[in-house]
Amino acid sequence: RWQRVQARLGRAHARVAHLRRDGLHKLTTRLTREHGTVVAEDLNVS
């Protein structure tokens, strides 16, 4: 039962990661196909 719930929790986290990645792909694809120069920041994320 622990393993089954652990698998469900992993799938829930994977769904969040897939949704995030899909949205970023759509945004970056649109920007790079439309504009010749893209300027971004070098953020100190850590």
All heavy atoms as atom14 arrays in JSON, in Angstrom:
{
  "sequence": "RWQRVQARLGRAHARVAHLRRDGLHKLTTRLTREHGTVVAEDLNVS",
  "atom14_mask": [
    [1, 1, 1, 1, 1, 1, 1, 1, 1, 1, 1, 0, 0, 0],
    [1, 1, 1, 1, 1, 1, 1, 1, 1, 1, 1, 1, 1, 1],
    [1, 1, 1, 1, 1, 1, 1, 1, 1, 0, 0, 0, 0, 0],
    [1, 1, 1, 1, 1, 1, 1, 1, 1, 1, 1, 0, 0, 0],
    [1, 1, 1, 1, 1, 1, 1, 0, 0, 0, 0, 0, 0, 0],
    [1, 1, 1, 1, 1, 1, 1, 1, 1, 0, 0, 0, 0, 0],
    [1, 1, 1, 1, 1, 0, 0, 0, 0, 0, 0, 0, 0, 0],
    [1, 1, 1, 1, 1, 1, 1, 1, 1, 1, 1, 0, 0, 0],
    [1, 1, 1, 1, 1, 1, 1, 1, 0, 0, 0, 0, 0, 0],
    [1, 1, 1, 1, 0, 0, 0, 0, 0, 0, 0, 0, 0, 0],
    [1, 1, 1, 1, 1, 1, 1, 1, 1, 1, 1, 0, 0, 0],
    [1, 1, 1, 1, 1, 0, 0, 0, 0, 0, 0, 0, 0, 0],
    [1, 1, 1, 1, 1, 1, 1, 1, 1, 1, 0, 0, 0, 0],
    [1, 1, 1, 1, 1, 0, 0, 0, 0, 0, 0, 0, 0, 0],
    [1, 1, 1, 1, 1, 1, 1, 1, 1, 1, 1, 0, 0, 0],
    [1, 1, 1, 1, 1, 1, 1, 0, 0, 0, 0, 0, 0, 0],
    [1, 1, 1, 1, 1, 0, 0, 0, 0, 0, 0, 0, 0, 0],
    [1, 1, 1, 1, 1, 1, 1, 1, 1, 1, 0, 0, 0, 0],
    [1, 1, 1, 1, 1, 1, 1, 1, 0, 0, 0, 0, 0, 0],
    [1, 1, 1, 1, 1, 1, 1, 1, 1, 1, 1, 0, 0, 0],
    [1, 1, 1, 1, 1, 1, 1, 1, 1, 1, 1, 0, 0, 0],
    [1, 1, 1, 1, 1, 1, 1, 1, 0, 0, 0, 0, 0, 0],
    [1, 1, 1, 1, 0, 0, 0, 0, 0, 0, 0, 0, 0, 0],
    [1, 1, 1, 1, 1, 1, 1, 1, 0, 0, 0, 0, 0, 0],
    [1, 1, 1, 1, 1, 1, 1, 1, 1, 1, 0, 0, 0, 0],
    [1, 1, 1, 1, 1, 1, 1, 1, 1, 0, 0, 0, 0, 0],
    [1, 1, 1, 1, 1, 1, 1, 1, 0, 0, 0, 0, 0, 0],
    [1, 1, 1, 1, 1, 1, 1, 0, 0, 0, 0, 0, 0, 0],
    [1, 1, 1, 1, 1, 1, 1, 0, 0, 0, 0, 0, 0, 0],
    [1, 1, 1, 1, 1, 1, 1, 1, 1, 1, 1, 0, 0, 0],
    [1, 1, 1, 1, 1, 1, 1, 1, 0, 0, 0, 0, 0, 0],
    [1, 1, 1, 1, 1, 1, 1, 0, 0, 0, 0, 0, 0, 0],
    [1, 1, 1, 1, 1, 1, 1, 1, 1, 1, 1, 0, 0, 0],
    [1, 1, 1, 1, 1, 1, 1, 1, 1, 0, 0, 0, 0, 0],
    [1, 1, 1, 1, 1, 1, 1, 1, 1, 1, 0, 0, 0, 0],
    [1, 1, 1, 1, 0, 0, 0, 0, 0, 0, 0, 0, 0, 0],
    [1, 1, 1, 1, 1, 1, 1, 0, 0, 0, 0, 0, 0, 0],
    [1, 1, 1, 1, 1, 1, 1, 0, 0, 0, 0, 0, 0, 0],
    [1, 1, 1, 1, 1, 1, 1, 0, 0, 0, 0, 0, 0, 0],
    [1, 1, 1, 1, 1, 0, 0, 0, 0, 0, 0, 0, 0, 0],
    [1, 1, 1, 1, 1, 1, 1, 1, 1, 0, 0, 0, 0, 0],
    [1, 1, 1, 1, 1, 1, 1, 1, 0, 0, 0, 0, 0, 0],
    [1, 1, 1, 1, 1, 1, 1, 1, 0, 0, 0, 0, 0, 0],
    [1, 1, 1, 1, 1, 1, 1, 1, 0, 0, 0, 0, 0, 0],
    [1, 1, 1, 1, 1, 1, 1, 0, 0, 0, 0, 0, 0, 0],
    [1, 1, 1, 1, 1, 1, 0, 0, 0, 0, 0, 0, 0, 0]
  ],
  "atom14_positions": [
    [[0.84, -1.2, 0.0], [0.0, 0.0, 0.0], [0.88, 1.26, 0.0], [0.55, 2.26, -0.65], [-0.91, -0.01, 1.23], [-1.87, -1.19, 1.28], [-2.68, -1.18, 2.55], [-3.62, -0.09, 2.58], [-4.26, 0.31, 3.66], [-4.02, -0.28, 4.82], [-5.12, 1.31, 3.62], [0.0, 0.0, 0.0], [0.0, 0.0, 0.0], [0.0, 0.0, 0.0]],
    [[1.99, 1.23, 0.72], [2.92, 2.37, 0.7], [3.48, 2.58, -0.69], [3.59, 3.72, -1.17], [4.05, 2.12, 1.69], [4.99, 3.28, 1.85], [4.92, 4.28, 2.76], [6.15, 3.55, 1.05], [5.94, 5.16, 2.6], [6.72, 4.75, 1.55], [6.76, 2.92, -0.02], [7.87, 5.31, 1.0], [7.9, 3.48, -0.58], [8.45, 4.66, -0.06]],
    [[3.83, 1.5, -1.38], [4.4, 1.62, -2.72], [3.37, 2.16, -3.71], [3.72, 2.95, -4.6], [4.93, 0.26, -3.18], [6.14, -0.22, -2.39], [6.62, -1.58, -2.86], [5.95, -2.25, -3.66], [7.77, -2.0, -2.37], [0.0, 0.0, 0.0], [0.0, 0.0, 0.0], [0.0, 0.0, 0.0], [0.0, 0.0, 0.0], [0.0, 0.0, 0.0]],
    [[2.1, 1.76, -3.55], [1.08, 2.28, -4.46], [0.85, 3.78, -4.26], [0.73, 4.54, -5.22], [-0.23, 1.51, -4.25], [-0.22, 0.11, -4.82], [-1.63, -0.44, -4.93], [-2.25, -0.62, -3.61], [-2.21, -1.75, -2.91], [-1.56, -2.81, -3.4], [-2.81, -1.84, -1.74], [0.0, 0.0, 0.0], [0.0, 0.0, 0.0], [0.0, 0.0, 0.0]],
    [[0.8, 4.21, -3.02], [0.62, 5.65, -2.76], [1.85, 6.43, -3.19], [1.74, 7.55, -3.71], [0.31, 5.89, -1.27], [0.17, 7.37, -0.98], [-0.96, 5.16, -0.87], [0.0, 0.0, 0.0], [0.0, 0.0, 0.0], [0.0, 0.0, 0.0], [0.0, 0.0, 0.0], [0.0, 0.0, 0.0], [0.0, 0.0, 0.0], [0.0, 0.0, 0.0]],
    [[3.03, 5.85, -2.99], [4.26, 6.51, -3.44], [4.26, 6.7, -4.95], [4.69, 7.74, -5.46], [5.47, 5.69, -3.0], [6.81, 6.22, -3.47], [7.2, 7.5, -2.76], [6.58, 7.88, -1.77], [8.22, 8.17, -3.27], [0.0, 0.0, 0.0], [0.0, 0.0, 0.0], [0.0, 0.0, 0.0], [0.0, 0.0, 0.0], [0.0, 0.0, 0.0]],
    [[3.76, 5.7, -5.69], [3.67, 5.83, -7.14], [2.68, 6.92, -7.54], [2.92, 7.69, -8.49], [3.26, 4.49, -7.75], [0.0, 0.0, 0.0], [0.0, 0.0, 0.0], [0.0, 0.0, 0.0], [0.0, 0.0, 0.0], [0.0, 0.0, 0.0], [0.0, 0.0, 0.0], [0.0, 0.0, 0.0], [0.0, 0.0, 0.0], [0.0, 0.0, 0.0]],
    [[1.56, 7.01, -6.82], [0.59, 8.08, -7.12], [1.19, 9.45, -6.84], [0.96, 10.4, -7.61], [-0.66, 7.87, -6.28], [-1.48, 6.63, -6.66], [-2.58, 6.38, -5.66], [-3.49, 7.53, -5.57], [-4.41, 7.67, -4.62], [-4.54, 6.75, -3.68], [-5.19, 8.74, -4.62], [0.0, 0.0, 0.0], [0.0, 0.0, 0.0], [0.0, 0.0, 0.0]],
    [[1.93, 9.58, -5.75], [2.57, 10.86, -5.44], [3.61, 11.22, -6.5], [3.73, 12.4, -6.9], [3.21, 10.78, -4.06], [3.88, 12.06, -3.54], [2.85, 13.17, -3.43], [4.53, 11.81, -2.18], [0.0, 0.0, 0.0], [0.0, 0.0, 0.0], [0.0, 0.0, 0.0], [0.0, 0.0, 0.0], [0.0, 0.0, 0.0], [0.0, 0.0, 0.0]],
    [[4.36, 10.23, -6.98], [5.33, 10.51, -8.04], [4.67, 10.94, -9.33], [5.17, 11.84, -10.02], [0.0, 0.0, 0.0], [0.0, 0.0, 0.0], [0.0, 0.0, 0.0], [0.0, 0.0, 0.0], [0.0, 0.0, 0.0], [0.0, 0.0, 0.0], [0.0, 0.0, 0.0], [0.0, 0.0, 0.0], [0.0, 0.0, 0.0], [0.0, 0.0, 0.0]],
    [[3.53, 10.34, -9.66], [2.83, 10.75, -10.87], [2.27, 12.16, -10.74], [2.23, 12.92, -11.71], [1.69, 9.76, -11.18], [2.17, 8.41, -11.67], [1.03, 7.62, -12.27], [0.02, 7.28, -11.27], [0.01, 6.17, -10.54], [1.0, 5.27, -10.7], [-0.95, 5.92, -9.68], [0.0, 0.0, 0.0], [0.0, 0.0, 0.0], [0.0, 0.0, 0.0]],
    [[1.83, 12.53, -9.54], [1.33, 13.89, -9.34], [2.44, 14.92, -9.52], [2.23, 15.97, -10.14], [0.7, 14.01, -7.94], [0.0, 0.0, 0.0], [0.0, 0.0, 0.0], [0.0, 0.0, 0.0], [0.0, 0.0, 0.0], [0.0, 0.0, 0.0], [0.0, 0.0, 0.0], [0.0, 0.0, 0.0], [0.0, 0.0, 0.0], [0.0, 0.0, 0.0]],
    [[3.61, 14.63, -8.97], [4.74, 15.54, -9.17], [5.16, 15.59, -10.64], [5.53, 16.66, -11.16], [5.92, 15.11, -8.3], [5.83, 15.57, -6.88], [6.01, 16.89, -6.52], [5.57, 14.91, -5.73], [5.88, 17.02, -5.21], [5.62, 15.83, -4.7], [0.0, 0.0, 0.0], [0.0, 0.0, 0.0], [0.0, 0.0, 0.0], [0.0, 0.0, 0.0]],
    [[5.13, 14.44, -11.31], [5.51, 14.42, -12.72], [4.55, 15.23, -13.57], [4.95, 15.9, -14.53], [5.55, 12.97, -13.22], [0.0, 0.0, 0.0], [0.0, 0.0, 0.0], [0.0, 0.0, 0.0], [0.0, 0.0, 0.0], [0.0, 0.0, 0.0], [0.0, 0.0, 0.0], [0.0, 0.0, 0.0], [0.0, 0.0, 0.0], [0.0, 0.0, 0.0]],
    [[3.27, 15.21, -13.21], [2.3, 16.01, -13.97], [2.59, 17.5, -13.84], [2.49, 18.25, -14.83], [0.88, 15.71, -13.45], [-0.21, 16.44, -14.21], [-1.59, 16.06, -13.71], [-2.62, 16.72, -14.5], [-3.09, 17.95, -14.25], [-2.6, 18.64, -13.22], [-4.02, 18.47, -15.03], [0.0, 0.0, 0.0], [0.0, 0.0, 0.0], [0.0, 0.0, 0.0]],
    [[2.96, 17.94, -12.65], [3.32, 19.35, -12.47], [4.53, 19.7, -13.32], [4.57, 20.75, -13.98], [3.6, 19.63, -10.98], [4.14, 21.04, -10.79], [2.33, 19.44, -10.16], [0.0, 0.0, 0.0], [0.0, 0.0, 0.0], [0.0, 0.0, 0.0], [0.0, 0.0, 0.0], [0.0, 0.0, 0.0], [0.0, 0.0, 0.0], [0.0, 0.0, 0.0]],
    [[5.53, 18.83, -13.33], [6.73, 19.09, -14.12], [6.42, 19.13, -15.61], [6.96, 19.96, -16.36], [7.79, 18.03, -13.83], [0.0, 0.0, 0.0], [0.0, 0.0, 0.0], [0.0, 0.0, 0.0], [0.0, 0.0, 0.0], [0.0, 0.0, 0.0], [0.0, 0.0, 0.0], [0.0, 0.0, 0.0], [0.0, 0.0, 0.0], [0.0, 0.0, 0.0]],
    [[5.54, 18.24, -16.08], [5.19, 18.21, -17.5], [4.43, 19.47, -17.9], [4.67, 20.04, -18.98], [4.36, 16.97, -17.8], [5.12, 15.69, -17.63], [4.52, 14.46, -17.49], [6.46, 15.45, -17.58], [5.43, 13.53, -17.35], [6.62, 14.11, -17.39], [0.0, 0.0, 0.0], [0.0, 0.0, 0.0], [0.0, 0.0, 0.0], [0.0, 0.0, 0.0]],
    [[3.49, 19.91, -17.06], [2.75, 21.13, -17.37], [3.67, 22.34, -17.41], [3.55, 23.21, -18.3], [1.65, 21.35, -16.33], [0.48, 20.37, -16.36], [-0.44, 20.6, -15.17], [-0.3, 20.49, -17.66], [0.0, 0.0, 0.0], [0.0, 0.0, 0.0], [0.0, 0.0, 0.0], [0.0, 0.0, 0.0], [0.0, 0.0, 0.0], [0.0, 0.0, 0.0]],
    [[4.61, 22.42, -16.47], [5.55, 23.54, -16.45], [6.42, 23.53, -17.71], [6.62, 24.56, -18.35], [6.42, 23.46, -15.2], [7.4, 24.62, -15.07], [8.36, 24.39, -13.93], [7.67, 24.22, -12.66], [7.72, 23.12, -11.94], [8.42, 22.08, -12.36], [7.09, 23.05, -10.79], [0.0, 0.0, 0.0], [0.0, 0.0, 0.0], [0.0, 0.0, 0.0]],
    [[6.93, 22.36, -18.06], [7.8, 22.27, -19.23], [7.05, 22.59, -20.51], [7.59, 23.22, -21.43], [8.4, 20.86, -19.31], [9.49, 20.72, -20.36], [10.05, 19.32, -20.42], [10.62, 18.92, -19.14], [10.1, 17.97, -18.37], [9.0, 17.35, -18.72], [10.69, 17.64, -17.24], [0.0, 0.0, 0.0], [0.0, 0.0, 0.0], [0.0, 0.0, 0.0]],
    [[5.8, 22.16, -20.61], [5.02, 22.44, -21.81], [4.79, 23.93, -21.97], [4.93, 24.48, -23.08], [3.68, 21.7, -21.71], [2.79, 21.97, -22.91], [3.11, 21.49, -24.01], [1.77, 22.68, -22.75], [0.0, 0.0, 0.0], [0.0, 0.0, 0.0], [0.0, 0.0, 0.0], [0.0, 0.0, 0.0], [0.0, 0.0, 0.0], [0.0, 0.0, 0.0]],
    [[4.46, 24.62, -20.89], [4.25, 26.07, -20.98], [5.51, 26.82, -21.35], [5.47, 27.77, -22.15], [0.0, 0.0, 0.0], [0.0, 0.0, 0.0], [0.0, 0.0, 0.0], [0.0, 0.0, 0.0], [0.0, 0.0, 0.0], [0.0, 0.0, 0.0], [0.0, 0.0, 0.0], [0.0, 0.0, 0.0], [0.0, 0.0, 0.0], [0.0, 0.0, 0.0]],
    [[6.65, 26.41, -20.79], [7.91, 27.08, -21.13], [8.29, 26.83, -22.58], [8.81, 27.73, -23.25], [9.01, 26.58, -20.19], [8.87, 26.97, -18.72], [9.99, 26.37, -17.89], [8.87, 28.48, -18.55], [0.0, 0.0, 0.0], [0.0, 0.0, 0.0], [0.0, 0.0, 0.0], [0.0, 0.0, 0.0], [0.0, 0.0, 0.0], [0.0, 0.0, 0.0]],
    [[8.05, 25.63, -23.07], [8.36, 25.35, -24.48], [7.53, 26.21, -25.42], [8.03, 26.75, -26.41], [8.12, 23.87, -24.79], [9.31, 22.99, -24.53], [10.49, 23.13, -25.22], [9.5, 21.97, -23.65], [11.36, 22.22, -24.79], [10.79, 21.52, -23.83], [0.0, 0.0, 0.0], [0.0, 0.0, 0.0], [0.0, 0.0, 0.0], [0.0, 0.0, 0.0]],
    [[6.26, 26.36, -25.12], [5.4, 27.18, -25.99], [5.84, 28.64, -25.99], [5.85, 29.3, -27.03], [3.95, 27.05, -25.54], [3.36, 25.67, -25.8], [1.94, 25.56, -25.29], [1.36, 24.18, -25.57], [0.0, 24.02, -25.02], [0.0, 0.0, 0.0], [0.0, 0.0, 0.0], [0.0, 0.0, 0.0], [0.0, 0.0, 0.0], [0.0, 0.0, 0.0]],
    [[6.21, 29.15, -24.81], [6.63, 30.54, -24.72], [7.95, 30.78, -25.44], [8.08, 31.71, -26.25], [6.75, 30.94, -23.25], [7.36, 32.32, -22.96], [6.51, 33.42, -23.58], [7.54, 32.54, -21.47], [0.0, 0.0, 0.0], [0.0, 0.0, 0.0], [0.0, 0.0, 0.0], [0.0, 0.0, 0.0], [0.0, 0.0, 0.0], [0.0, 0.0, 0.0]],
    [[8.95, 29.95, -25.17], [10.26, 30.16, -25.79], [10.22, 29.92, -27.3], [10.92, 30.61, -28.05], [11.29, 29.22, -25.15], [10.82, 27.86, -25.2], [11.52, 29.6, -23.69], [0.0, 0.0, 0.0], [0.0, 0.0, 0.0], [0.0, 0.0, 0.0], [0.0, 0.0, 0.0], [0.0, 0.0, 0.0], [0.0, 0.0, 0.0], [0.0, 0.0, 0.0]],
    [[9.42, 28.97, -27.75], [9.31, 28.75, -29.19], [8.71, 29.96, -29.89], [9.17, 30.4, -30.95], [8.46, 27.51, -29.47], [9.09, 26.36, -28.89], [8.3, 27.28, -30.96], [0.0, 0.0, 0.0], [0.0, 0.0, 0.0], [0.0, 0.0, 0.0], [0.0, 0.0, 0.0], [0.0, 0.0, 0.0], [0.0, 0.0, 0.0], [0.0, 0.0, 0.0]],
    [[7.7, 30.55, -29.29], [7.07, 31.74, -29.89], [8.03, 32.92, -29.92], [8.12, 33.63, -30.94], [5.81, 32.1, -29.11], [5.1, 33.35, -29.6], [3.73, 33.47, -28.96], [3.81, 33.61, -27.52], [3.93, 34.78, -26.89], [4.01, 35.91, -27.6], [3.96, 34.85, -25.58], [0.0, 0.0, 0.0], [0.0, 0.0, 0.0], [0.0, 0.0, 0.0]],
    [[8.78, 33.13, -28.86], [9.7, 34.26, -28.82], [10.82, 34.11, -29.84], [11.17, 35.05, -30.54], [10.28, 34.41, -27.41], [9.32, 34.84, -26.3], [10.04, 34.88, -24.96], [8.71, 36.2, -26.61], [0.0, 0.0, 0.0], [0.0, 0.0, 0.0], [0.0, 0.0, 0.0], [0.0, 0.0, 0.0], [0.0, 0.0, 0.0], [0.0, 0.0, 0.0]],
    [[11.41, 32.93, -29.92], [12.56, 32.74, -30.81], [12.16, 32.68, -32.27], [12.96, 33.01, -33.15], [13.3, 31.46, -30.42], [12.38, 30.35, -30.42], [13.92, 31.59, -29.05], [0.0, 0.0, 0.0], [0.0, 0.0, 0.0], [0.0, 0.0, 0.0], [0.0, 0.0, 0.0], [0.0, 0.0, 0.0], [0.0, 0.0, 0.0], [0.0, 0.0, 0.0]],
    [[10.94, 32.26, -32.56], [10.5, 32.24, -33.96], [10.06, 33.6, -34.46], [10.08, 33.87, -35.66], [9.36, 31.25, -34.13], [9.78, 29.8, -34.07], [8.61, 28.87, -34.32], [9.04, 27.47, -34.33], [8.21, 26.45, -34.49], [6.91, 26.66, -34.69], [8.68, 25.22, -34.48], [0.0, 0.0, 0.0], [0.0, 0.0, 0.0], [0.0, 0.0, 0.0]],
    [[9.67, 34.47, -33.55], [9.16, 35.78, -33.96], [10.21, 36.86, -33.94], [10.25, 37.71, -34.84], [7.99, 36.16, -33.05], [7.32, 37.47, -33.44], [6.12, 37.78, -32.57], [5.75, 36.92, -31.74], [5.54, 38.89, -32.71], [0.0, 0.0, 0.0], [0.0, 0.0, 0.0], [0.0, 0.0, 0.0], [0.0, 0.0, 0.0], [0.0, 0.0, 0.0]],
    [[11.08, 36.89, -32.94], [12.03, 37.98, -32.76], [13.45, 37.52, -33.11], [13.85, 36.4, -32.8], [11.99, 38.49, -31.31], [10.63, 38.94, -30.87], [10.11, 40.17, -31.2], [9.67, 38.31, -30.13], [8.91, 40.3, -30.68], [8.61, 39.19, -30.03], [0.0, 0.0, 0.0], [0.0, 0.0, 0.0], [0.0, 0.0, 0.0], [0.0, 0.0, 0.0]],
    [[14.19, 38.43, -33.72], [15.56, 38.11, -34.09], [16.53, 38.18, -32.94], [17.54, 37.47, -32.93], [0.0, 0.0, 0.0], [0.0, 0.0, 0.0], [0.0, 0.0, 0.0], [0.0, 0.0, 0.0], [0.0, 0.0, 0.0], [0.0, 0.0, 0.0], [0.0, 0.0, 0.0], [0.0, 0.0, 0.0], [0.0, 0.0, 0.0], [0.0, 0.0, 0.0]],
    [[16.28, 39.02, -31.96], [17.17, 39.18, -30.8], [16.34, 39.11, -29.54], [15.33, 39.82, -29.4], [17.92, 40.52, -30.85], [18.68, 40.6, -32.06], [18.86, 40.64, -29.66], [0.0, 0.0, 0.0], [0.0, 0.0, 0.0], [0.0, 0.0, 0.0], [0.0, 0.0, 0.0], [0.0, 0.0, 0.0], [0.0, 0.0, 0.0], [0.0, 0.0, 0.0]],
    [[16.76, 38.25, -28.64], [16.1, 38.1, -27.34], [17.12, 38.45, -26.27], [18.24, 37.93, -26.27], [15.58, 36.67, -27.13], [14.89, 36.54, -25.78], [14.62, 36.27, -28.25], [0.0, 0.0, 0.0], [0.0, 0.0, 0.0], [0.0, 0.0, 0.0], [0.0, 0.0, 0.0], [0.0, 0.0, 0.0], [0.0, 0.0, 0.0], [0.0, 0.0, 0.0]],
    [[16.75, 39.35, -25.38], [17.64, 39.79, -24.3], [17.05, 39.32, -22.98], [15.89, 39.62, -22.68], [17.82, 41.32, -24.29], [18.88, 41.72, -23.26], [18.19, 41.82, -25.68], [0.0, 0.0, 0.0], [0.0, 0.0, 0.0], [0.0, 0.0, 0.0], [0.0, 0.0, 0.0], [0.0, 0.0, 0.0], [0.0, 0.0, 0.0], [0.0, 0.0, 0.0]],
    [[17.84, 38.59, -22.21], [17.4, 38.06, -20.92], [18.41, 38.43, -19.85], [19.48, 38.97, -20.14], [17.19, 36.55, -20.98], [0.0, 0.0, 0.0], [0.0, 0.0, 0.0], [0.0, 0.0, 0.0], [0.0, 0.0, 0.0], [0.0, 0.0, 0.0], [0.0, 0.0, 0.0], [0.0, 0.0, 0.0], [0.0, 0.0, 0.0], [0.0, 0.0, 0.0]],
    [[18.08, 38.12, -18.61], [18.94, 38.43, -17.47], [19.7, 37.19, -17.01], [19.23, 36.06, -17.17], [18.11, 38.97, -16.31], [17.5, 40.32, -16.53], [16.69, 40.77, -15.33], [15.64, 40.17, -15.07], [17.11, 41.73, -14.65], [0.0, 0.0, 0.0], [0.0, 0.0, 0.0], [0.0, 0.0, 0.0], [0.0, 0.0, 0.0], [0.0, 0.0, 0.0]],
    [[20.86, 37.43, -16.43], [21.63, 36.38, -15.78], [21.3, 36.41, -14.3], [21.96, 37.08, -13.51], [23.13, 36.58, -16.02], [23.96, 35.48, -15.39], [23.4, 34.41, -15.12], [25.16, 35.7, -15.16], [0.0, 0.0, 0.0], [0.0, 0.0, 0.0], [0.0, 0.0, 0.0], [0.0, 0.0, 0.0], [0.0, 0.0, 0.0], [0.0, 0.0, 0.0]],
    [[20.26, 35.69, -13.91], [19.77, 35.77, -12.54], [20.56, 34.85, -11.61], [20.99, 33.76, -12.01], [18.29, 35.36, -12.49], [17.32, 36.27, -13.25], [15.92, 35.69, -13.2], [17.34, 37.68, -12.68], [0.0, 0.0, 0.0], [0.0, 0.0, 0.0], [0.0, 0.0, 0.0], [0.0, 0.0, 0.0], [0.0, 0.0, 0.0], [0.0, 0.0, 0.0]],
    [[20.72, 35.29, -10.4], [21.35, 34.49, -9.35], [20.25, 33.69, -8.65], [19.8, 34.04, -7.56], [22.1, 35.39, -8.37], [22.81, 34.61, -7.28], [23.04, 33.41, -7.42], [23.14, 35.27, -6.19], [0.0, 0.0, 0.0], [0.0, 0.0, 0.0], [0.0, 0.0, 0.0], [0.0, 0.0, 0.0], [0.0, 0.0, 0.0], [0.0, 0.0, 0.0]],
    [[19.84, 32.6, -9.29], [18.7, 31.85, -8.79], [19.02, 31.21, -7.44], [18.19, 31.19, -6.53], [18.27, 30.78, -9.81], [17.1, 29.97, -9.29], [17.89, 31.46, -11.13], [0.0, 0.0, 0.0], [0.0, 0.0, 0.0], [0.0, 0.0, 0.0], [0.0, 0.0, 0.0], [0.0, 0.0, 0.0], [0.0, 0.0, 0.0], [0.0, 0.0, 0.0]],
    [[20.22, 30.68, -7.29], [20.59, 30.05, -6.02], [20.55, 31.06, -4.87], [20.16, 30.72, -3.75], [21.98, 29.43, -6.12], [22.95, 30.42, -6.44], [0.0, 0.0, 0.0], [0.0, 0.0, 0.0], [0.0, 0.0, 0.0], [0.0, 0.0, 0.0], [0.0, 0.0, 0.0], [0.0, 0.0, 0.0], [0.0, 0.0, 0.0], [0.0, 0.0, 0.0]]
  ]
}
